[in-house]
C-alpha atoms as a PDB file:
ATOM      1  CA  MET A   1     171.309  64.380 140.079  1.00  0.00           C
ATOM      2  CA  HIS A   2     170.196  67.271 137.735  1.00  0.00           C
ATOM      3  CA  ARG A   3     171.323  65.231 134.185  1.00  0.00           C
ATOM      4  CA  VAL A   4     168.887  62.443 135.943  1.00  0.00           C
ATOM      5  CA  VAL A   5     166.375  64.860 136.198  1.00  0.00           C
ATOM      6  CA  ALA A   6     166.896  66.010 132.612  1.00  0.00           C
ATOM      7  CA  VAL A   7     166.690  62.595 131.509  1.00  0.00           C
ATOM      8  CA  LEU A   8     163.877  61.480 133.256  1.00  0.00           C
ATOM      9  CA  ILE A   9     161.987  64.608 131.800  1.00  0.00           C
ATOM     10  CA  MET A  10     162.775  64.690 128.760  1.00  0.00           C
ATOM     11  CA  ALA A  11     162.216  60.756 127.940  1.00  0.00           C
ATOM     12  CA  SER A  12     158.452  61.044 129.395  1.00  0.00           C
ATOM     13  CA  ALA A  13     158.115  64.203 126.857  1.00  0.00           C
ATOM     14  CA  SER A  14     160.367  63.908 124.004  1.00  0.00           C
ATOM     15  CA  GLY A  15     158.938  62.826 120.179  1.00  0.00           C
ATOM     16  CA  CYS A  16     155.616  62.674 121.882  1.00  0.00           C
ATOM     17  CA  ALA A  17     152.938  64.571 123.371  1.00  0.00           C
ATOM     18  CA  MET A  18     151.698  65.192 127.109  1.00  0.00           C
ATOM     19  CA  HIS A  19     148.127  65.343 128.125  1.00  0.00           C
ATOM     20  CA  ARG A  20     146.350  66.424 131.226  1.00  0.00           C
ATOM     21  CA  LYS A  21     142.476  65.942 132.363  1.00  0.00           C
ATOM     22  CA  VAL A  22     140.838  69.164 132.847  1.00  0.00           C
ATOM     23  CA  TYR A  23     137.203  70.078 133.426  1.00  0.00           C
ATOM     24  CA  ASP A  24     135.269  72.827 131.632  1.00  0.00           C
ATOM     25  CA  ALA A  25     133.011  74.959 133.295  1.00  0.00           C
ATOM     26  CA  ALA A  26     129.683  73.061 133.490  1.00  0.00           C
ATOM     27  CA  GLY A  27     132.123  70.248 135.236  1.00  0.00           C
ATOM     28  CA  ILE A  28     132.765  68.145 131.574  1.00  0.00           C
ATOM     29  CA  PRO A  29     136.204  65.831 131.249  1.00  0.00           C
ATOM     30  CA  ALA A  30     137.991  66.273 128.959  1.00  0.00           C
ATOM     31  CA  TYR A  31     142.154  65.874 128.095  1.00  0.00           C
ATOM     32  CA  ARG A  32     144.485  68.848 127.017  1.00  0.00           C
ATOM     33  CA  ILE A  33     147.351  68.072 124.873  1.00  0.00           C
ATOM     34  CA  ASN A  34     150.400  69.318 124.472  1.00  0.00           C
ATOM     35  CA  CYS A  35     152.036  68.737 121.082  1.00  0.00           C
ATOM     36  CA  SER A  36     154.251  72.001 121.578  1.00  0.00           C
ATOM     37  CA  GLY A  37     158.045  71.678 119.588  1.00  0.00           C
ATOM     38  CA  THR A  38     159.694  72.189 116.249  1.00  0.00           C
ATOM     39  CA  ALA A  39     159.475  68.280 116.148  1.00  0.00           C
ATOM     40  CA  LEU A  40     155.662  67.571 116.380  1.00  0.00           C
ATOM     41  CA  THR A  41     152.939  68.751 114.745  1.00  0.00           C
ATOM     42  CA  TRP A  42     149.232  68.787 115.393  1.00  0.00           C
ATOM     43  CA  GLY A  43     149.274  65.145 113.833  1.00  0.00           C
ATOM     44  CA  VAL A  44     151.155  63.753 117.255  1.00  0.00           C
ATOM     45  CA  CYS A  45     148.157  65.594 119.502  1.00  0.00           C
ATOM     46  CA  GLN A  46     145.906  63.965 117.491  1.00  0.00           C
ATOM     47  CA  GLN A  47     147.374  60.523 117.505  1.00  0.00           C
ATOM     48  CA  ARG A  48     147.399  61.028 121.221  1.00  0.00           C
ATOM     49  CA  ALA A  49     143.468  61.902 121.659  1.00  0.00           C
ATOM     50  CA  SER A  50     142.027  59.021 119.675  1.00  0.00           C
ATOM     51  CA  ARG A  51     144.702  56.485 122.088  1.00  0.00           C
ATOM     52  CA  LEU A  52     142.689  58.531 125.022  1.00  0.00           C
ATOM     53  CA  CYS A  53     138.701  58.222 123.787  1.00  0.00           C
ATOM     54  CA  GLY A  54     139.069  55.087 121.835  1.00  0.00           C
ATOM     55  CA  ALA A  55     136.355  53.882 120.050  1.00  0.00           C
ATOM     56  CA  GLU A  56     134.222  57.152 121.625  1.00  0.00           C
ATOM     57  CA  GLY A  57     136.251  59.409 119.137  1.00  0.00           C
ATOM     58  CA  TYR A  58     137.079  62.565 119.908  1.00  0.00           C
ATOM     59  CA  THR A  59     135.740  66.399 119.740  1.00  0.00           C
ATOM     60  CA  ILE A  60     138.197  68.993 119.124  1.00  0.00           C
ATOM     61  CA  THR A  61     136.716  71.980 121.661  1.00  0.00           C
ATOM     62  CA  ASP A  62     139.864  74.222 121.683  1.00  0.00           C
ATOM     63  CA  GLN A  63     143.144  75.020 119.445  1.00  0.00           C
ATOM     64  CA  THR A  64     145.838  77.561 120.660  1.00  0.00           C
ATOM     65  CA  HIS A  65     149.139  78.210 118.381  1.00  0.00           C
ATOM     66  CA  GLU A  66     152.180  80.484 119.283  1.00  0.00           C
ATOM     67  CA  THR A  67     154.995  80.787 117.891  1.00  0.00           C
ATOM     68  CA  GLY A  68     158.101  82.730 118.874  1.00  0.00           C
ATOM     69  CA  VAL A  69     162.313  83.218 119.599  1.00  0.00           C
ATOM     70  CA  MET A  70     163.705  82.995 123.127  1.00  0.00           C
ATOM     71  CA  SER A  71     167.353  83.838 123.846  1.00  0.00           C
ATOM     72  CA  LEU A  72     169.424  81.066 125.864  1.00  0.00           C
ATOM     73  CA  PRO A  73     172.491  81.126 127.154  1.00  0.00           C
ATOM     74  CA  ASP A  74     174.835  78.874 124.661  1.00  0.00           C
ATOM     75  CA  GLY A  75     176.953  78.019 127.966  1.00  0.00           C
ATOM     76  CA  LYS A  76     180.154  79.843 126.257  1.00  0.00           C
ATOM     77  CA  GLY A  77     179.020  83.126 127.231  1.00  0.00           C
ATOM     78  CA  GLY A  78     176.967  83.603 124.151  1.00  0.00           C
ATOM     79  CA  ILE A  79     173.352  83.919 123.649  1.00  0.00           C
ATOM     80  CA  ASN A  80     171.570  81.332 120.766  1.00  0.00           C
ATOM     81  CA  GLN A  81     168.161  82.270 119.242  1.00  0.00           C
ATOM     82  CA  VAL A  82     165.638  79.365 119.665  1.00  0.00           C
ATOM     83  CA  ALA A  83     162.317  79.433 118.000  1.00  0.00           C
ATOM     84  CA  MET A  84     159.532  78.317 119.904  1.00  0.00           C
ATOM     85  CA  THR A  85     156.166  76.680 118.490  1.00  0.00           C
ATOM     86  CA  THR A  86     153.491  76.249 121.312  1.00  0.00           C
ATOM     87  CA  ARG A  87     150.476  73.915 119.910  1.00  0.00           C
ATOM     88  CA  ILE A  88     147.745  72.953 122.715  1.00  0.00           C
ATOM     89  CA  MET A  89     144.735  70.960 121.501  1.00  0.00           C
ATOM     90  CA  THR A  90     141.682  70.300 124.399  1.00  0.00           C
ATOM     91  CA  VAL A  91     139.390  67.335 122.900  1.00  0.00           C
ATOM     92  CA  ARG A  92     136.162  65.928 124.925  1.00  0.00           C
ATOM     93  CA  CYS A  93     136.009  62.197 124.134  1.00  0.00           C
ATOM     94  CA  GLY A  94     132.417  61.474 122.063  1.00  0.00           C
ATOM     95  CA  ASN A  95     131.469  62.970 119.094  1.00  0.00           C
ATOM     96  CA  GLY A  96     129.140  65.703 120.124  1.00  0.00           C
ATOM     97  CA  GLY A  97     129.686  68.993 118.785  1.00  0.00           C
ATOM     98  CA  SER A  98     130.025  70.128 114.600  1.00  0.00           C
ATOM     99  CA  ASP A  99     131.011  67.850 112.068  1.00  0.00           C
ATOM    100  CA  ALA A 100     134.589  70.061 111.484  1.00  0.00           C
ATOM    101  CA  SER A 101     134.905  69.203 114.757  1.00  0.00           C
ATOM    102  CA  ARG A 102     134.561  65.915 115.481  1.00  0.00           C
ATOM    103  CA  HIS A 103     136.723  62.921 114.748  1.00  0.00           C
ATOM    104  CA  ALA A 104     136.439  58.967 114.674  1.00  0.00           C
ATOM    105  CA  SER A 105     139.561  56.759 116.531  1.00  0.00           C
ATOM    106  CA  PRO A 106     141.807  55.717 115.156  1.00  0.00           C
ATOM    107  CA  VAL A 107     142.713  59.065 113.453  1.00  0.00           C
ATOM    108  CA  GLU A 108     144.920  59.717 110.703  1.00  0.00           C
ATOM    109  CA  TYR A 109     146.728  63.179 110.210  1.00  0.00           C
ATOM    110  CA  ASN A 110     145.035  65.291 107.612  1.00  0.00           C
ATOM    111  CA  SER A 111     145.985  68.885 106.747  1.00  0.00           C
ATOM    112  CA  SER A 112     142.602  69.771 106.153  1.00  0.00           C
ATOM    113  CA  VAL A 113     141.673  68.883 109.884  1.00  0.00           C
ATOM    114  CA  ALA A 114     144.446  70.896 111.912  1.00  0.00           C
ATOM    115  CA  PRO A 115     146.272  73.586 110.908  1.00  0.00           C
ATOM    116  CA  ILE A 116     149.701  73.598 109.332  1.00  0.00           C
ATOM    117  CA  ASP A 117     152.622  75.025 110.976  1.00  0.00           C
ATOM    118  CA  ARG A 118     153.521  77.933 108.267  1.00  0.00           C
ATOM    119  CA  THR A 119     155.122  80.239 110.350  1.00  0.00           C
ATOM    120  CA  ASN A 120     158.430  81.701 109.014  1.00  0.00           C
ATOM    121  CA  THR A 121     161.056  81.028 111.593  1.00  0.00           C
ATOM    122  CA  PRO A 122     164.912  81.733 111.531  1.00  0.00           C
ATOM    123  CA  THR A 123     167.081  79.102 110.744  1.00  0.00           C
ATOM    124  CA  GLN A 124     168.919  77.772 113.528  1.00  0.00           C
ATOM    125  CA  PRO A 125     172.712  76.768 113.965  1.00  0.00           C
ATOM    126  CA  PRO A 126     173.015  73.177 115.262  1.00  0.00           C
ATOM    127  CA  VAL A 127     172.963  73.579 119.454  1.00  0.00           C
ATOM    128  CA  ARG A 128     174.373  70.866 121.440  1.00  0.00           C
ATOM    129  CA  ASP A 129     173.144  71.013 124.859  1.00  0.00           C
ATOM    130  CA  ASN A 130     171.169  68.754 126.378  1.00  0.00           C
ATOM    131  CA  ASN A 131     170.072  71.369 129.356  1.00  0.00           C
ATOM    132  CA  LEU A 132     166.703  72.077 130.687  1.00  0.00           C
ATOM    133  CA  TYR A 133     166.059  76.121 131.160  1.00  0.00           C
ATOM    134  CA  VAL A 134     163.217  77.742 132.936  1.00  0.00           C
ATOM    135  CA  VAL A 135     161.393  80.301 131.261  1.00  0.00           C
ATOM    136  CA  SER A 136     159.011  83.011 131.735  1.00  0.00           C
ATOM    137  CA  ASP A 137     155.589  82.716 130.817  1.00  0.00           C
ATOM    138  CA  ASP A 138     155.769  86.522 128.856  1.00  0.00           C
ATOM    139  CA  PRO A 139     155.063  88.381 125.700  1.00  0.00           C
ATOM    140  CA  SER A 140     159.055  88.413 125.592  1.00  0.00           C
ATOM    141  CA  PRO A 141     159.898  85.206 127.722  1.00  0.00           C
ATOM    142  CA  THR A 142     163.152  85.903 129.849  1.00  0.00           C
ATOM    143  CA  ILE A 143     165.080  82.856 130.872  1.00  0.00           C
ATOM    144  CA  LEU A 144     165.248  82.063 134.443  1.00  0.00           C
ATOM    145  CA  GLY A 145     167.971  79.713 134.689  1.00  0.00           C
ATOM    146  CA  CYS A 146     169.120  76.050 133.735  1.00  0.00           C
ATOM    147  CA  LEU A 147     167.233  73.732 135.356  1.00  0.00           C
ATOM    148  CA  THR A 148     169.754  70.800 134.667  1.00  0.00           C
ATOM    149  CA  CYS A 149     173.118  72.257 134.972  1.00  0.00           C
ATOM    150  CA  ASN A 150     175.447  71.611 137.833  1.00  0.00           C
ATOM    151  CA  GLU A 151     174.470  73.370 140.880  1.00  0.00           C
ATOM    152  CA  TYR A 152     178.193  75.615 140.584  1.00  0.00           C
ATOM    153  CA  ASP A 153     177.157  76.807 136.850  1.00  0.00           C
ATOM    154  CA  PRO A 154     176.082  79.872 136.692  1.00  0.00           C
ATOM    155  CA  ASN A 155     173.213  79.556 134.750  1.00  0.00           C
ATOM    156  CA  SER A 156     171.894  76.981 137.589  1.00  0.00           C
ATOM    157  CA  ILE A 157     169.235  77.854 139.449  1.00  0.00           C
ATOM    158  CA  ILE A 158     170.475  76.492 142.751  1.00  0.00           C
ATOM    159  CA  ASN A 159     173.582  78.441 142.593  1.00  0.00           C
ATOM    160  CA  GLY A 160     172.926  81.012 144.705  1.00  0.00           C
ATOM    161  CA  LEU A 161     175.905  82.858 143.896  1.00  0.00           C
ATOM    162  CA  GLY A 162     174.590  82.805 140.318  1.00  0.00           C
ATOM    163  CA  THR A 163     172.149  85.785 138.193  1.00  0.00           C
ATOM    164  CA  TYR A 164     169.543  83.023 138.435  1.00  0.00           C
ATOM    165  CA  GLY A 165     170.169  81.333 142.349  1.00  0.00           C
ATOM    166  CA  SER A 166     170.959  84.166 143.838  1.00  0.00           C
ATOM    167  CA  PRO A 167     167.956  85.889 146.809  1.00  0.00           C
ATOM    168  CA  MET A 168     169.400  89.582 145.696  1.00  0.00           C
ATOM    169  CA  SER A 169     169.223  88.906 141.585  1.00  0.00           C
ATOM    170  CA  PRO A 170     166.281  90.506 139.910  1.00  0.00           C
ATOM    171  CA  ASN A 171     166.152  87.294 137.888  1.00  0.00           C
ATOM    172  CA  SER A 172     166.315  84.792 140.667  1.00  0.00           C
ATOM    173  CA  MET A 173     162.970  82.877 141.386  1.00  0.00           C
ATOM    174  CA  ALA A 174     164.840  82.617 144.948  1.00  0.00           C
ATOM    175  CA  ASN A 175     164.042  86.379 145.008  1.00  0.00           C
ATOM    176  CA  PRO A 176     160.772  86.680 147.364  1.00  0.00           C
ATOM    177  CA  MET A 177     160.590  89.754 145.562  1.00  0.00           C
ATOM    178  CA  SER A 178     160.941  89.087 142.220  1.00  0.00           C
ATOM    179  CA  ILE A 179     157.747  88.675 139.639  1.00  0.00           C
ATOM    180  CA  HIS A 180     159.016  85.091 139.349  1.00  0.00           C
ATOM    181  CA  GLY A 181     159.606  83.752 142.778  1.00  0.00           C
ATOM    182  CA  SER A 182     157.058  86.069 145.011  1.00  0.00           C
ATOM    183  CA  ARG A 183     154.846  84.020 146.296  1.00  0.00           C
ATOM    184  CA  VAL A 184     151.801  86.465 145.199  1.00  0.00           C
ATOM    185  CA  SER A 185     152.640  87.007 141.609  1.00  0.00           C
ATOM    186  CA  PRO A 186     150.710  85.363 139.178  1.00  0.00           C
ATOM    187  CA  SER A 187     153.653  84.627 137.609  1.00  0.00           C
ATOM    188  CA  SER A 188     155.880  83.164 139.929  1.00  0.00           C
ATOM    189  CA  ALA A 189     156.835  79.640 139.822  1.00  0.00           C
ATOM    190  CA  CYS A 190     156.374  79.588 144.288  1.00  0.00           C
ATOM    191  CA  ASN A 191     153.325  81.525 143.850  1.00  0.00           C
ATOM    192  CA  PRO A 192     150.681  77.984 144.556  1.00  0.00           C
ATOM    193  CA  LEU A 193     147.854  80.204 142.842  1.00  0.00           C
ATOM    194  CA  ALA A 194     150.190  81.071 140.026  1.00  0.00           C
ATOM    195  CA  MET A 195     148.264  80.895 136.651  1.00  0.00           C
ATOM    196  CA  ARG A 196     150.912  82.131 134.483  1.00  0.00           C
ATOM    197  CA  PRO A 197     154.020  80.319 136.305  1.00  0.00           C
ATOM    198  CA  PRO A 198     157.389  79.559 133.850  1.00  0.00           C
ATOM    199  CA  TRP A 199     157.712  76.910 131.565  1.00  0.00           C
ATOM    200  CA  ILE A 200     160.200  74.685 131.597  1.00  0.00           C
ATOM    201  CA  VAL A 201     161.511  74.148 127.882  1.00  0.00           C
ATOM    202  CA  ASP A 202     165.063  72.603 125.898  1.00  0.00           C
ATOM    203  CA  VAL A 203     166.795  75.210 123.570  1.00  0.00           C
ATOM    204  CA  GLY A 204     165.017  73.615 120.573  1.00  0.00           C
ATOM    205  CA  GLY A 205     162.233  74.899 121.888  1.00  0.00           C
ATOM    206  CA  THR A 206     160.063  72.189 122.915  1.00  0.00           C
ATOM    207  CA  ARG A 207     157.949  72.813 126.501  1.00  0.00           C
ATOM    208  CA  TYR A 208     158.030  70.363 129.463  1.00  0.00           C
ATOM    209  CA  GLY A 209     155.147  71.627 131.742  1.00  0.00           C
ATOM    210  CA  ARG A 210     155.089  74.568 134.021  1.00  0.00           C
ATOM    211  CA  PHE A 211     158.011  74.682 136.753  1.00  0.00           C
ATOM    212  CA  THR A 212     155.085  76.010 139.536  1.00  0.00           C
ATOM    213  CA  ALA A 213     154.285  75.350 142.948  1.00  0.00           C
ATOM    214  CA  ASN A 214     150.674  75.019 141.868  1.00  0.00           C
ATOM    215  CA  THR A 215     149.314  72.083 142.320  1.00  0.00           C
ATOM    216  CA  MET A 216     146.528  72.387 140.713  1.00  0.00           C
ATOM    217  CA  HIS A 217     147.497  73.852 137.133  1.00  0.00           C
ATOM    218  CA  PRO A 218     146.967  71.563 134.434  1.00  0.00           C
ATOM    219  CA  GLU A 219     150.040  72.105 132.707  1.00  0.00           C
ATOM    220  CA  ARG A 220     152.503  71.638 135.967  1.00  0.00           C
ATOM    221  CA  ASN A 221     155.465  69.122 135.860  1.00  0.00           C
ATOM    222  CA  ASP A 222     154.779  66.335 138.095  1.00  0.00           C
ATOM    223  CA  SER A 223     158.140  64.698 138.058  1.00  0.00           C
ATOM    224  CA  ALA A 224     159.801  64.229 141.600  1.00  0.00           C
ATOM    225  CA  GLY A 225     163.162  65.564 140.495  1.00  0.00           C
ATOM    226  CA  VAL A 226     161.553  69.148 139.522  1.00  0.00           C
ATOM    227  CA  ALA A 227     159.430  68.858 142.683  1.00  0.00           C
ATOM    228  CA  ALA A 228     162.993  68.489 144.877  1.00  0.00           C
ATOM    229  CA  LEU A 229     164.270  71.481 142.941  1.00  0.00           C
ATOM    230  CA  LEU A 230     161.204  73.948 143.107  1.00  0.00           C
ATOM    231  CA  GLN A 231     160.977  72.726 146.949  1.00  0.00           C
ATOM    232  CA  ARG A 232     164.635  73.699 147.313  1.00  0.00           C
ATOM    233  CA  ILE A 233     164.330  77.360 145.677  1.00  0.00           C
ATOM    234  CA  CYS A 234     161.212  78.296 147.363  1.00  0.00           C
ATOM    235  CA  ALA A 235     162.216  76.856 150.574  1.00  0.00           C
ATOM    236  CA  SER A 236     165.383  78.957 150.262  1.00  0.00           C
ATOM    237  CA  GLN A 237     163.591  82.355 150.435  1.00  0.00           C
END
């Protein structure tokens, strides 16, 4: 099952941007586009905005760019240091706004329109790991387990005897007393009102949405397989 979950999630997001419809404080609809990961660029976000808005064109209302390094298990008892790059662009269809933020469709990527990543990140050795992981949304991300590993794998989030699946482990989302498993913590996967729930990522640092019980979160991963695993974890508390 877990391998099927990985294939479905990665097929829907790998190599392209993800988007979700959102509304600003005035109730005006917009699109939040995620083109995170070392394999993507701001141009991918712009191409998705062009497809969403068509002949109307679009206005960029917000852009967020973050970089960092995350530690993930290598499956052999060691740790891989993985560079992470996050790019989130919010656009409103139509060409209102300042000249600098207006874009006609279709748009060609131009470095004068969107910033280019120039952050120096450590060179990563080749990593042969197709699994997806859950990591916290903290200044120093904490790994919360492997989403797609076999349940008997010590890193699996549903291994009840493992570090990331035991209801007694401080790093387990199945622990109702932990920061990332509590039903009241803003960083918890099981809190239906969480604002900073964990991310789903691959070893390349690409994000595949949030692992969260908050069905209203604009970055929630809606995959049926992910929902089933989340329900299993949170219901076990």
